[in-house]
Amino acid sequence: VRYLEEHNPPSAEEFAESLVGQLITRLDKHVLGRPVLQQE
């Protein structure tokens, strides 16, 4: 999060898109199903 003005974390949308994309790529590589993705 932004504690200081110069902090620039990814937006929730950017974060989710990046993670889900990587997850699907790896699942498909191993020919696995689609698990529930939990985040905290």
PDB file of all heavy atoms in Angstrom:
ATOM      1  N   VAL A   1       0.849  -1.187   0.000  1.00  0.00           N
ATOM      2  CA  VAL A   1       0.000   0.000   0.000  1.00  0.00           C
ATOM      3  C   VAL A   1       0.889   1.244   0.000  1.00  0.00           C
ATOM      4  O   VAL A   1       2.104   1.165   0.138  1.00  0.00           O
ATOM      5  CB  VAL A   1      -0.935   0.026   1.228  1.00  0.00           C
ATOM      6  CG1 VAL A   1      -1.909  -1.145   1.175  1.00  0.00           C
ATOM      7  CG2 VAL A   1      -0.140  -0.001   2.531  1.00  0.00           C
ATOM      8  N   ARG A   2       0.269   2.414  -0.111  1.00  0.00           N
ATOM      9  CA  ARG A   2       1.007   3.679  -0.193  1.00  0.00           C
ATOM     10  C   ARG A   2       1.209   4.269   1.208  1.00  0.00           C
ATOM     11  O   ARG A   2       0.365   5.009   1.696  1.00  0.00           O
ATOM     12  CB  ARG A   2       0.255   4.665  -1.070  1.00  0.00           C
ATOM     13  CG  ARG A   2       0.111   4.239  -2.527  1.00  0.00           C
ATOM     14  CD  ARG A   2      -0.833   5.172  -3.254  1.00  0.00           C
ATOM     15  NE  ARG A   2      -2.172   5.112  -2.657  1.00  0.00           N
ATOM     16  CZ  ARG A   2      -3.155   5.955  -2.949  1.00  0.00           C
ATOM     17  NH1 ARG A   2      -2.951   6.926  -3.806  1.00  0.00           N
ATOM     18  NH2 ARG A   2      -4.335   5.834  -2.372  1.00  0.00           N
ATOM     19  N   TYR A   3       2.312   3.951   1.817  1.00  0.00           N
ATOM     20  CA  TYR A   3       2.661   4.616   3.069  1.00  0.00           C
ATOM     21  C   TYR A   3       3.278   5.984   2.789  1.00  0.00           C
ATOM     22  O   TYR A   3       3.097   6.926   3.543  1.00  0.00           O
ATOM     23  CB  TYR A   3       3.645   3.764   3.870  1.00  0.00           C
ATOM     24  CG  TYR A   3       2.996   2.577   4.545  1.00  0.00           C
ATOM     25  CD1 TYR A   3       3.168   1.288   4.055  1.00  0.00           C
ATOM     26  CD2 TYR A   3       2.192   2.746   5.668  1.00  0.00           C
ATOM     27  CE1 TYR A   3       2.568   0.207   4.660  1.00  0.00           C
ATOM     28  CE2 TYR A   3       1.582   1.668   6.288  1.00  0.00           C
ATOM     29  CZ  TYR A   3       1.777   0.394   5.786  1.00  0.00           C
ATOM     30  OH  TYR A   3       1.165  -0.678   6.387  1.00  0.00           O
ATOM     31  N   LEU A   4       4.026   6.066   1.697  1.00  0.00           N
ATOM     32  CA  LEU A   4       4.650   7.314   1.283  1.00  0.00           C
ATOM     33  C   LEU A   4       4.203   7.659  -0.131  1.00  0.00           C
ATOM     34  O   LEU A   4       3.752   6.779  -0.887  1.00  0.00           O
ATOM     35  CB  LEU A   4       6.173   7.190   1.329  1.00  0.00           C
ATOM     36  CG  LEU A   4       6.792   6.834   2.688  1.00  0.00           C
ATOM     37  CD1 LEU A   4       8.297   6.647   2.537  1.00  0.00           C
ATOM     38  CD2 LEU A   4       6.479   7.895   3.730  1.00  0.00           C
ATOM     39  N   GLU A   5       4.337   8.909  -0.488  1.00  0.00           N
ATOM     40  CA  GLU A   5       3.886   9.368  -1.802  1.00  0.00           C
ATOM     41  C   GLU A   5       4.559   8.614  -2.941  1.00  0.00           C
ATOM     42  O   GLU A   5       3.948   8.349  -3.979  1.00  0.00           O
ATOM     43  CB  GLU A   5       4.148  10.870  -1.934  1.00  0.00           C
ATOM     44  CG  GLU A   5       3.571  11.494  -3.187  1.00  0.00           C
ATOM     45  CD  GLU A   5       3.762  12.998  -3.240  1.00  0.00           C
ATOM     46  OE1 GLU A   5       4.222  13.566  -2.233  1.00  0.00           O
ATOM     47  OE2 GLU A   5       3.466  13.598  -4.287  1.00  0.00           O
ATOM     48  N   GLU A   6       5.831   8.231  -2.734  1.00  0.00           N
ATOM     49  CA  GLU A   6       6.559   7.553  -3.817  1.00  0.00           C
ATOM     50  C   GLU A   6       6.228   6.072  -3.957  1.00  0.00           C
ATOM     51  O   GLU A   6       6.656   5.417  -4.905  1.00  0.00           O
ATOM     52  CB  GLU A   6       8.070   7.721  -3.619  1.00  0.00           C
ATOM     53  CG  GLU A   6       8.613   7.161  -2.322  1.00  0.00           C
ATOM     54  CD  GLU A   6       8.719   8.212  -1.217  1.00  0.00           C
ATOM     55  OE1 GLU A   6       7.912   9.171  -1.245  1.00  0.00           O
ATOM     56  OE2 GLU A   6       9.594   8.074  -0.357  1.00  0.00           O
ATOM     57  N   HIS A   7       5.502   5.518  -3.005  1.00  0.00           N
ATOM     58  CA  HIS A   7       5.111   4.108  -3.120  1.00  0.00           C
ATOM     59  C   HIS A   7       4.071   3.946  -4.225  1.00  0.00           C
ATOM     60  O   HIS A   7       3.081   4.684  -4.270  1.00  0.00           O
ATOM     61  CB  HIS A   7       4.544   3.607  -1.796  1.00  0.00           C
ATOM     62  CG  HIS A   7       5.579   3.426  -0.722  1.00  0.00           C
ATOM     63  ND1 HIS A   7       5.270   3.283   0.616  1.00  0.00           N
ATOM     64  CD2 HIS A   7       6.931   3.379  -0.799  1.00  0.00           C
ATOM     65  CE1 HIS A   7       6.381   3.142   1.314  1.00  0.00           C
ATOM     66  NE2 HIS A   7       7.401   3.197   0.477  1.00  0.00           N
ATOM     67  N   ASN A   8       4.292   2.969  -5.079  1.00  0.00           N
ATOM     68  CA  ASN A   8       3.386   2.774  -6.215  1.00  0.00           C
ATOM     69  C   ASN A   8       3.110   1.286  -6.426  1.00  0.00           C
ATOM     70  O   ASN A   8       3.594   0.680  -7.390  1.00  0.00           O
ATOM     71  CB  ASN A   8       3.995   3.386  -7.487  1.00  0.00           C
ATOM     72  CG  ASN A   8       3.041   3.345  -8.661  1.00  0.00           C
ATOM     73  OD1 ASN A   8       1.822   3.431  -8.490  1.00  0.00           O
ATOM     74  ND2 ASN A   8       3.580   3.195  -9.855  1.00  0.00           N
ATOM     75  N   PRO A   9       2.342   0.673  -5.533  1.00  0.00           N
ATOM     76  CA  PRO A   9       2.046  -0.749  -5.688  1.00  0.00           C
ATOM     77  C   PRO A   9       1.117  -0.992  -6.873  1.00  0.00           C
ATOM     78  O   PRO A   9       0.423  -0.072  -7.327  1.00  0.00           O
ATOM     79  CB  PRO A   9       1.339  -1.099  -4.374  1.00  0.00           C
ATOM     80  CG  PRO A   9       0.693   0.181  -3.946  1.00  0.00           C
ATOM     81  CD  PRO A   9       1.658   1.267  -4.364  1.00  0.00           C
ATOM     82  N   PRO A  10       1.096  -2.216  -7.394  1.00  0.00           N
ATOM     83  CA  PRO A  10       0.146  -2.521  -8.464  1.00  0.00           C
ATOM     84  C   PRO A  10      -1.284  -2.324  -7.977  1.00  0.00           C
ATOM     85  O   PRO A  10      -1.576  -2.496  -6.787  1.00  0.00           O
ATOM     86  CB  PRO A  10       0.423  -4.004  -8.773  1.00  0.00           C
ATOM     87  CG  PRO A  10       1.757  -4.294  -8.170  1.00  0.00           C
ATOM     88  CD  PRO A  10       1.911  -3.389  -7.001  1.00  0.00           C
ATOM     89  N   SER A  11      -2.164  -1.962  -8.872  1.00  0.00           N
ATOM     90  CA  SER A  11      -3.580  -1.883  -8.504  1.00  0.00           C
ATOM     91  C   SER A  11      -4.110  -3.302  -8.290  1.00  0.00           C
ATOM     92  O   SER A  11      -3.488  -4.285  -8.706  1.00  0.00           O
ATOM     93  CB  SER A  11      -4.379  -1.205  -9.611  1.00  0.00           C
ATOM     94  OG  SER A  11      -4.412  -2.029 -10.774  1.00  0.00           O
ATOM     95  N   ALA A  12      -5.248  -3.398  -7.634  1.00  0.00           N
ATOM     96  CA  ALA A  12      -5.855  -4.708  -7.402  1.00  0.00           C
ATOM     97  C   ALA A  12      -6.124  -5.422  -8.729  1.00  0.00           C
ATOM     98  O   ALA A  12      -5.938  -6.636  -8.849  1.00  0.00           O
ATOM     99  CB  ALA A  12      -7.146  -4.560  -6.604  1.00  0.00           C
ATOM    100  N   GLU A  13      -6.547  -4.641  -9.735  1.00  0.00           N
ATOM    101  CA  GLU A  13      -6.836  -5.225 -11.050  1.00  0.00           C
ATOM    102  C   GLU A  13      -5.565  -5.750 -11.714  1.00  0.00           C
ATOM    103  O   GLU A  13      -5.552  -6.853 -12.272  1.00  0.00           O
ATOM    104  CB  GLU A  13      -7.507  -4.182 -11.941  1.00  0.00           C
ATOM    105  CG  GLU A  13      -8.909  -3.771 -11.510  1.00  0.00           C
ATOM    106  CD  GLU A  13      -8.916  -2.817 -10.323  1.00  0.00           C
ATOM    107  OE1 GLU A  13      -7.838  -2.262  -9.999  1.00  0.00           O
ATOM    108  OE2 GLU A  13      -9.987  -2.641  -9.710  1.00  0.00           O
ATOM    109  N   GLU A  14      -4.490  -4.957 -11.654  1.00  0.00           N
ATOM    110  CA  GLU A  14      -3.213  -5.385 -12.233  1.00  0.00           C
ATOM    111  C   GLU A  14      -2.674  -6.616 -11.529  1.00  0.00           C
ATOM    112  O   GLU A  14      -2.174  -7.558 -12.152  1.00  0.00           O
ATOM    113  CB  GLU A  14      -2.198  -4.244 -12.138  1.00  0.00           C
ATOM    114  CG  GLU A  14      -2.513  -3.053 -13.020  1.00  0.00           C
ATOM    115  CD  GLU A  14      -1.639  -1.855 -12.701  1.00  0.00           C
ATOM    116  OE1 GLU A  14      -1.110  -1.778 -11.563  1.00  0.00           O
ATOM    117  OE2 GLU A  14      -1.496  -0.988 -13.587  1.00  0.00           O
ATOM    118  N   PHE A  15      -2.773  -6.597 -10.213  1.00  0.00           N
ATOM    119  CA  PHE A  15      -2.298  -7.705  -9.400  1.00  0.00           C
ATOM    120  C   PHE A  15      -3.053  -8.987  -9.747  1.00  0.00           C
ATOM    121  O   PHE A  15      -2.450 -10.038  -9.997  1.00  0.00           O
ATOM    122  CB  PHE A  15      -2.485  -7.348  -7.921  1.00  0.00           C
ATOM    123  CG  PHE A  15      -1.962  -8.375  -6.955  1.00  0.00           C
ATOM    124  CD1 PHE A  15      -0.606  -8.553  -6.771  1.00  0.00           C
ATOM    125  CD2 PHE A  15      -2.842  -9.145  -6.202  1.00  0.00           C
ATOM    126  CE1 PHE A  15      -0.120  -9.488  -5.864  1.00  0.00           C
ATOM    127  CE2 PHE A  15      -2.370 -10.075  -5.295  1.00  0.00           C
ATOM    128  CZ  PHE A  15      -1.007 -10.249  -5.127  1.00  0.00           C
ATOM    129  N   ALA A  16      -4.380  -8.898  -9.788  1.00  0.00           N
ATOM    130  CA  ALA A  16      -5.213 -10.071 -10.060  1.00  0.00           C
ATOM    131  C   ALA A  16      -4.972 -10.616 -11.463  1.00  0.00           C
ATOM    132  O   ALA A  16      -4.844 -11.824 -11.668  1.00  0.00           O
ATOM    133  CB  ALA A  16      -6.683  -9.716  -9.871  1.00  0.00           C
ATOM    134  N   GLU A  17      -4.904  -9.716 -12.447  1.00  0.00           N
ATOM    135  CA  GLU A  17      -4.707 -10.152 -13.834  1.00  0.00           C
ATOM    136  C   GLU A  17      -3.381 -10.880 -13.997  1.00  0.00           C
ATOM    137  O   GLU A  17      -3.291 -11.917 -14.655  1.00  0.00           O
ATOM    138  CB  GLU A  17      -4.771  -8.941 -14.767  1.00  0.00           C
ATOM    139  CG  GLU A  17      -4.674  -9.314 -16.244  1.00  0.00           C
ATOM    140  CD  GLU A  17      -4.833  -8.111 -17.155  1.00  0.00           C
ATOM    141  OE1 GLU A  17      -5.174  -7.028 -16.665  1.00  0.00           O
ATOM    142  OE2 GLU A  17      -4.609  -8.274 -18.374  1.00  0.00           O
ATOM    143  N   SER A  18      -2.353 -10.347 -13.375  1.00  0.00           N
ATOM    144  CA  SER A  18      -1.028 -10.945 -13.469  1.00  0.00           C
ATOM    145  C   SER A  18      -1.004 -12.331 -12.831  1.00  0.00           C
ATOM    146  O   SER A  18      -0.506 -13.302 -13.415  1.00  0.00           O
ATOM    147  CB  SER A  18      -0.003 -10.036 -12.795  1.00  0.00           C
ATOM    148  OG  SER A  18       1.268 -10.642 -12.748  1.00  0.00           O
ATOM    149  N   LEU A  19      -1.560 -12.438 -11.624  1.00  0.00           N
ATOM    150  CA  LEU A  19      -1.530 -13.707 -10.895  1.00  0.00           C
ATOM    151  C   LEU A  19      -2.392 -14.775 -11.555  1.00  0.00           C
ATOM    152  O   LEU A  19      -1.973 -15.919 -11.711  1.00  0.00           O
ATOM    153  CB  LEU A  19      -1.978 -13.490  -9.444  1.00  0.00           C
ATOM    154  CG  LEU A  19      -0.844 -13.254  -8.433  1.00  0.00           C
ATOM    155  CD1 LEU A  19      -0.050 -12.001  -8.799  1.00  0.00           C
ATOM    156  CD2 LEU A  19      -1.400 -13.135  -7.028  1.00  0.00           C
ATOM    157  N   VAL A  20      -3.598 -14.390 -11.948  1.00  0.00           N
ATOM    158  CA  VAL A  20      -4.498 -15.371 -12.556  1.00  0.00           C
ATOM    159  C   VAL A  20      -3.931 -15.855 -13.887  1.00  0.00           C
ATOM    160  O   VAL A  20      -4.013 -17.042 -14.217  1.00  0.00           O
ATOM    161  CB  VAL A  20      -5.909 -14.775 -12.736  1.00  0.00           C
ATOM    162  CG1 VAL A  20      -6.776 -15.710 -13.573  1.00  0.00           C
ATOM    163  CG2 VAL A  20      -6.561 -14.533 -11.375  1.00  0.00           C
ATOM    164  N   GLY A  21      -3.331 -14.942 -14.652  1.00  0.00           N
ATOM    165  CA  GLY A  21      -2.730 -15.341 -15.911  1.00  0.00           C
ATOM    166  C   GLY A  21      -1.620 -16.358 -15.723  1.00  0.00           C
ATOM    167  O   GLY A  21      -1.548 -17.363 -16.442  1.00  0.00           O
ATOM    168  N   GLN A  22      -0.757 -16.109 -14.748  1.00  0.00           N
ATOM    169  CA  GLN A  22       0.330 -17.044 -14.451  1.00  0.00           C
ATOM    170  C   GLN A  22      -0.217 -18.376 -13.940  1.00  0.00           C
ATOM    171  O   GLN A  22       0.280 -19.442 -14.307  1.00  0.00           O
ATOM    172  CB  GLN A  22       1.259 -16.431 -13.404  1.00  0.00           C
ATOM    173  CG  GLN A  22       2.442 -17.294 -13.011  1.00  0.00           C
ATOM    174  CD  GLN A  22       3.559 -17.246 -14.045  1.00  0.00           C
ATOM    175  OE1 GLN A  22       3.369 -16.724 -15.146  1.00  0.00           O
ATOM    176  NE2 GLN A  22       4.710 -17.791 -13.707  1.00  0.00           N
ATOM    177  N   LEU A  23      -1.237 -18.306 -13.111  1.00  0.00           N
ATOM    178  CA  LEU A  23      -1.843 -19.521 -12.557  1.00  0.00           C
ATOM    179  C   LEU A  23      -2.405 -20.406 -13.668  1.00  0.00           C
ATOM    180  O   LEU A  23      -2.158 -21.620 -13.705  1.00  0.00           O
ATOM    181  CB  LEU A  23      -2.948 -19.139 -11.570  1.00  0.00           C
ATOM    182  CG  LEU A  23      -3.668 -20.293 -10.859  1.00  0.00           C
ATOM    183  CD1 LEU A  23      -2.718 -20.999  -9.894  1.00  0.00           C
ATOM    184  CD2 LEU A  23      -4.885 -19.774 -10.104  1.00  0.00           C
ATOM    185  N   ILE A  24      -3.144 -19.822 -14.574  1.00  0.00           N
ATOM    186  CA  ILE A  24      -3.746 -20.593 -15.661  1.00  0.00           C
ATOM    187  C   ILE A  24      -2.674 -21.197 -16.558  1.00  0.00           C
ATOM    188  O   ILE A  24      -2.778 -22.365 -16.980  1.00  0.00           O
ATOM    189  CB  ILE A  24      -4.708 -19.696 -16.471  1.00  0.00           C
ATOM    190  CG1 ILE A  24      -5.945 -19.354 -15.622  1.00  0.00           C
ATOM    191  CG2 ILE A  24      -5.131 -20.383 -17.766  1.00  0.00           C
ATOM    192  CD1 ILE A  24      -6.882 -18.370 -16.276  1.00  0.00           C
ATOM    193  N   THR A  25      -1.635 -20.416 -16.841  1.00  0.00           N
ATOM    194  CA  THR A  25      -0.536 -20.917 -17.677  1.00  0.00           C
ATOM    195  C   THR A  25       0.101 -22.153 -17.058  1.00  0.00           C
ATOM    196  O   THR A  25       0.351 -23.159 -17.746  1.00  0.00           O
ATOM    197  CB  THR A  25       0.528 -19.826 -17.877  1.00  0.00           C
ATOM    198  OG1 THR A  25      -0.055 -18.726 -18.585  1.00  0.00           O
ATOM    199  CG2 THR A  25       1.717 -20.352 -18.663  1.00  0.00           C
ATOM    200  N   ARG A  26       0.374 -22.095 -15.757  1.00  0.00           N
ATOM    201  CA  ARG A  26       1.024 -23.223 -15.078  1.00  0.00           C
ATOM    202  C   ARG A  26       0.096 -24.417 -14.959  1.00  0.00           C
ATOM    203  O   ARG A  26       0.521 -25.581 -15.111  1.00  0.00           O
ATOM    204  CB  ARG A  26       1.502 -22.783 -13.700  1.00  0.00           C
ATOM    205  CG  ARG A  26       2.532 -21.671 -13.714  1.00  0.00           C
ATOM    206  CD  ARG A  26       3.829 -22.087 -14.386  1.00  0.00           C
ATOM    207  NE  ARG A  26       4.510 -23.149 -13.661  1.00  0.00           N
ATOM    208  CZ  ARG A  26       5.705 -23.627 -13.961  1.00  0.00           C
ATOM    209  NH1 ARG A  26       6.352 -23.129 -15.010  1.00  0.00           N
ATOM    210  NH2 ARG A  26       6.260 -24.593 -13.269  1.00  0.00           N
ATOM    211  N   LEU A  27      -1.187 -24.172 -14.705  1.00  0.00           N
ATOM    212  CA  LEU A  27      -2.152 -25.272 -14.612  1.00  0.00           C
ATOM    213  C   LEU A  27      -2.270 -26.004 -15.953  1.00  0.00           C
ATOM    214  O   LEU A  27      -2.291 -27.239 -16.006  1.00  0.00           O
ATOM    215  CB  LEU A  27      -3.518 -24.747 -14.176  1.00  0.00           C
ATOM    216  CG  LEU A  27      -3.649 -24.293 -12.718  1.00  0.00           C
ATOM    217  CD1 LEU A  27      -4.975 -23.561 -12.511  1.00  0.00           C
ATOM    218  CD2 LEU A  27      -3.546 -25.479 -11.758  1.00  0.00           C
ATOM    219  N   ASP A  28      -2.347 -25.234 -17.021  1.00  0.00           N
ATOM    220  CA  ASP A  28      -2.470 -25.834 -18.347  1.00  0.00           C
ATOM    221  C   ASP A  28      -1.216 -26.623 -18.722  1.00  0.00           C
ATOM    222  O   ASP A  28      -1.296 -27.680 -19.371  1.00  0.00           O
ATOM    223  CB  ASP A  28      -2.736 -24.747 -19.392  1.00  0.00           C
ATOM    224  CG  ASP A  28      -4.144 -24.170 -19.288  1.00  0.00           C
ATOM    225  OD1 ASP A  28      -4.975 -24.777 -18.577  1.00  0.00           O
ATOM    226  OD2 ASP A  28      -4.399 -23.106 -19.883  1.00  0.00           O
ATOM    227  N   LYS A  29      -0.069 -26.121 -18.301  1.00  0.00           N
ATOM    228  CA  LYS A  29       1.178 -26.826 -18.591  1.00  0.00           C
ATOM    229  C   LYS A  29       1.171 -28.221 -17.973  1.00  0.00           C
ATOM    230  O   LYS A  29       1.649 -29.190 -18.586  1.00  0.00           O
ATOM    231  CB  LYS A  29       2.368 -26.026 -18.062  1.00  0.00           C
ATOM    232  CG  LYS A  29       3.708 -26.725 -18.262  1.00  0.00           C
ATOM    233  CD  LYS A  29       4.870 -25.908 -17.692  1.00  0.00           C
ATOM    234  CE  LYS A  29       6.192 -26.656 -17.847  1.00  0.00           C
ATOM    235  NZ  LYS A  29       7.334 -25.877 -17.290  1.00  0.00           N
ATOM    236  N   HIS A  30       0.623 -28.338 -16.776  1.00  0.00           N
ATOM    237  CA  HIS A  30       0.583 -29.624 -16.078  1.00  0.00           C
ATOM    238  C   HIS A  30      -0.713 -30.395 -16.333  1.00  0.00           C
ATOM    239  O   HIS A  30      -0.927 -31.459 -15.734  1.00  0.00           O
ATOM    240  CB  HIS A  30       0.750 -29.413 -14.579  1.00  0.00           C
ATOM    241  CG  HIS A  30       2.138 -28.999 -14.168  1.00  0.00           C
ATOM    242  ND1 HIS A  30       3.194 -29.874 -14.172  1.00  0.00           N
ATOM    243  CD2 HIS A  30       2.642 -27.811 -13.743  1.00  0.00           C
ATOM    244  CE1 HIS A  30       4.292 -29.254 -13.748  1.00  0.00           C
ATOM    245  NE2 HIS A  30       3.987 -28.003 -13.503  1.00  0.00           N
ATOM    246  N   VAL A  31      -1.580 -29.847 -17.195  1.00  0.00           N
ATOM    247  CA  VAL A  31      -2.872 -30.466 -17.510  1.00  0.00           C
ATOM    248  C   VAL A  31      -3.642 -30.731 -16.214  1.00  0.00           C
ATOM    249  O   VAL A  31      -4.097 -31.844 -15.913  1.00  0.00           O
ATOM    250  CB  VAL A  31      -2.697 -31.783 -18.306  1.00  0.00           C
ATOM    251  CG1 VAL A  31      -4.037 -32.192 -18.931  1.00  0.00           C
ATOM    252  CG2 VAL A  31      -1.637 -31.644 -19.382  1.00  0.00           C
ATOM    253  N   LEU A  32      -3.808 -29.673 -15.428  1.00  0.00           N
ATOM    254  CA  LEU A  32      -4.544 -29.750 -14.171  1.00  0.00           C
ATOM    255  C   LEU A  32      -5.851 -28.979 -14.294  1.00  0.00           C
ATOM    256  O   LEU A  32      -6.011 -28.115 -15.157  1.00  0.00           O
ATOM    257  CB  LEU A  32      -3.709 -29.168 -13.031  1.00  0.00           C
ATOM    258  CG  LEU A  32      -2.416 -29.927 -12.684  1.00  0.00           C
ATOM    259  CD1 LEU A  32      -1.548 -29.095 -11.748  1.00  0.00           C
ATOM    260  CD2 LEU A  32      -2.742 -31.283 -12.062  1.00  0.00           C
ATOM    261  N   GLY A  33      -6.786 -29.295 -13.415  1.00  0.00           N
ATOM    262  CA  GLY A  33      -8.066 -28.607 -13.407  1.00  0.00           C
ATOM    263  C   GLY A  33      -7.946 -27.202 -12.839  1.00  0.00           C
ATOM    264  O   GLY A  33      -6.853 -26.687 -12.617  1.00  0.00           O
ATOM    265  N   ARG A  34      -9.075 -26.579 -12.598  1.00  0.00           N
ATOM    266  CA  ARG A  34      -9.127 -25.214 -12.095  1.00  0.00           C
ATOM    267  C   ARG A  34      -9.514 -25.224 -10.619  1.00  0.00           C
ATOM    268  O   ARG A  34     -10.687 -25.345 -10.279  1.00  0.00           O
ATOM    269  CB  ARG A  34     -10.140 -24.371 -12.884  1.00  0.00           C
ATOM    270  CG  ARG A  34      -9.796 -24.187 -14.354  1.00  0.00           C
ATOM    271  CD  ARG A  34      -8.638 -23.212 -14.512  1.00  0.00           C
ATOM    272  NE  ARG A  34      -8.462 -22.808 -15.904  1.00  0.00           N
ATOM    273  CZ  ARG A  34      -7.649 -23.397 -16.758  1.00  0.00           C
ATOM    274  NH1 ARG A  34      -6.937 -24.453 -16.367  1.00  0.00           N
ATOM    275  NH2 ARG A  34      -7.533 -22.956 -17.990  1.00  0.00           N
ATOM    276  N   PRO A  35      -8.547 -25.063  -9.706  1.00  0.00           N
ATOM    277  CA  PRO A  35      -8.882 -25.006  -8.289  1.00  0.00           C
ATOM    278  C   PRO A  35      -9.477 -23.646  -7.921  1.00  0.00           C
ATOM    279  O   PRO A  35      -9.408 -22.691  -8.699  1.00  0.00           O
ATOM    280  CB  PRO A  35      -7.515 -25.191  -7.613  1.00  0.00           C
ATOM    281  CG  PRO A  35      -6.558 -24.581  -8.590  1.00  0.00           C
ATOM    282  CD  PRO A  35      -7.113 -24.910  -9.960  1.00  0.00           C
ATOM    283  N   VAL A  36     -10.070 -23.558  -6.743  1.00  0.00           N
ATOM    284  CA  VAL A  36     -10.490 -22.274  -6.200  1.00  0.00           C
ATOM    285  C   VAL A  36      -9.225 -21.508  -5.804  1.00  0.00           C
ATOM    286  O   VAL A  36      -8.356 -22.039  -5.117  1.00  0.00           O
ATOM    287  CB  VAL A  36     -11.404 -22.460  -4.964  1.00  0.00           C
ATOM    288  CG1 VAL A  36     -11.672 -21.124  -4.286  1.00  0.00           C
ATOM    289  CG2 VAL A  36     -12.707 -23.130  -5.367  1.00  0.00           C
ATOM    290  N   LEU A  37      -9.102 -20.273  -6.264  1.00  0.00           N
ATOM    291  CA  LEU A  37      -7.971 -19.431  -5.901  1.00  0.00           C
ATOM    292  C   LEU A  37      -8.367 -18.577  -4.708  1.00  0.00           C
ATOM    293  O   LEU A  37      -9.300 -17.777  -4.778  1.00  0.00           O
ATOM    294  CB  LEU A  37      -7.560 -18.535  -7.068  1.00  0.00           C
ATOM    295  CG  LEU A  37      -6.497 -17.469  -6.766  1.00  0.00           C
ATOM    296  CD1 LEU A  37      -5.182 -18.126  -6.339  1.00  0.00           C
ATOM    297  CD2 LEU A  37      -6.284 -16.567  -7.976  1.00  0.00           C
ATOM    298  N   GLN A  38      -7.663 -18.749  -3.595  1.00  0.00           N
ATOM    299  CA  GLN A  38      -7.893 -17.917  -2.421  1.00  0.00           C
ATOM    300  C   GLN A  38      -6.754 -16.917  -2.268  1.00  0.00           C
ATOM    301  O   GLN A  38      -5.593 -17.239  -2.518  1.00  0.00           O
ATOM    302  CB  GLN A  38      -7.993 -18.769  -1.150  1.00  0.00           C
ATOM    303  CG  GLN A  38      -9.257 -19.610  -1.068  1.00  0.00           C
ATOM    304  CD  GLN A  38      -9.414 -20.274   0.294  1.00  0.00           C
ATOM    305  OE1 GLN A  38      -8.557 -20.174   1.170  1.00  0.00           O
ATOM    306  NE2 GLN A  38     -10.532 -20.955   0.489  1.00  0.00           N
ATOM    307  N   GLN A  39      -7.107 -15.707  -1.846  1.00  0.00           N
ATOM    308  CA  GLN A  39      -6.122 -14.670  -1.559  1.00  0.00           C
ATOM    309  C   GLN A  39      -6.464 -14.010  -0.236  1.00  0.00           C
ATOM    310  O   GLN A  39      -7.636 -13.961   0.161  1.00  0.00           O
ATOM    311  CB  GLN A  39      -6.105 -13.623  -2.675  1.00  0.00           C
ATOM    312  CG  GLN A  39      -5.626 -14.159  -4.011  1.00  0.00           C
ATOM    313  CD  GLN A  39      -5.716 -13.107  -5.099  1.00  0.00           C
ATOM    314  OE1 GLN A  39      -6.749 -12.932  -5.711  1.00  0.00           O
ATOM    315  NE2 GLN A  39      -4.623 -12.403  -5.326  1.00  0.00           N
ATOM    316  N   GLU A  40      -5.437 -13.482   0.445  1.00  0.00           N
ATOM    317  CA  GLU A  40      -5.622 -12.923   1.785  1.00  0.00           C
ATOM    318  C   GLU A  40      -5.169 -11.464   1.852  1.00  0.00           C
ATOM    319  O   GLU A  40      -4.220 -11.132   2.558  1.00  0.00           O
ATOM    320  CB  GLU A  40      -4.836 -13.751   2.803  1.00  0.00           C
ATOM    321  CG  GLU A  40      -5.212 -15.221   2.819  1.00  0.00           C
ATOM    322  CD  GLU A  40      -4.231 -16.072   3.608  1.00  0.00           C
ATOM    323  OE1 GLU A  40      -3.297 -15.512   4.223  1.00  0.00           O
ATOM    324  OE2 GLU A  40      -4.409 -17.295   3.617  1.00  0.00           O
TER     325      GLU A  40
END
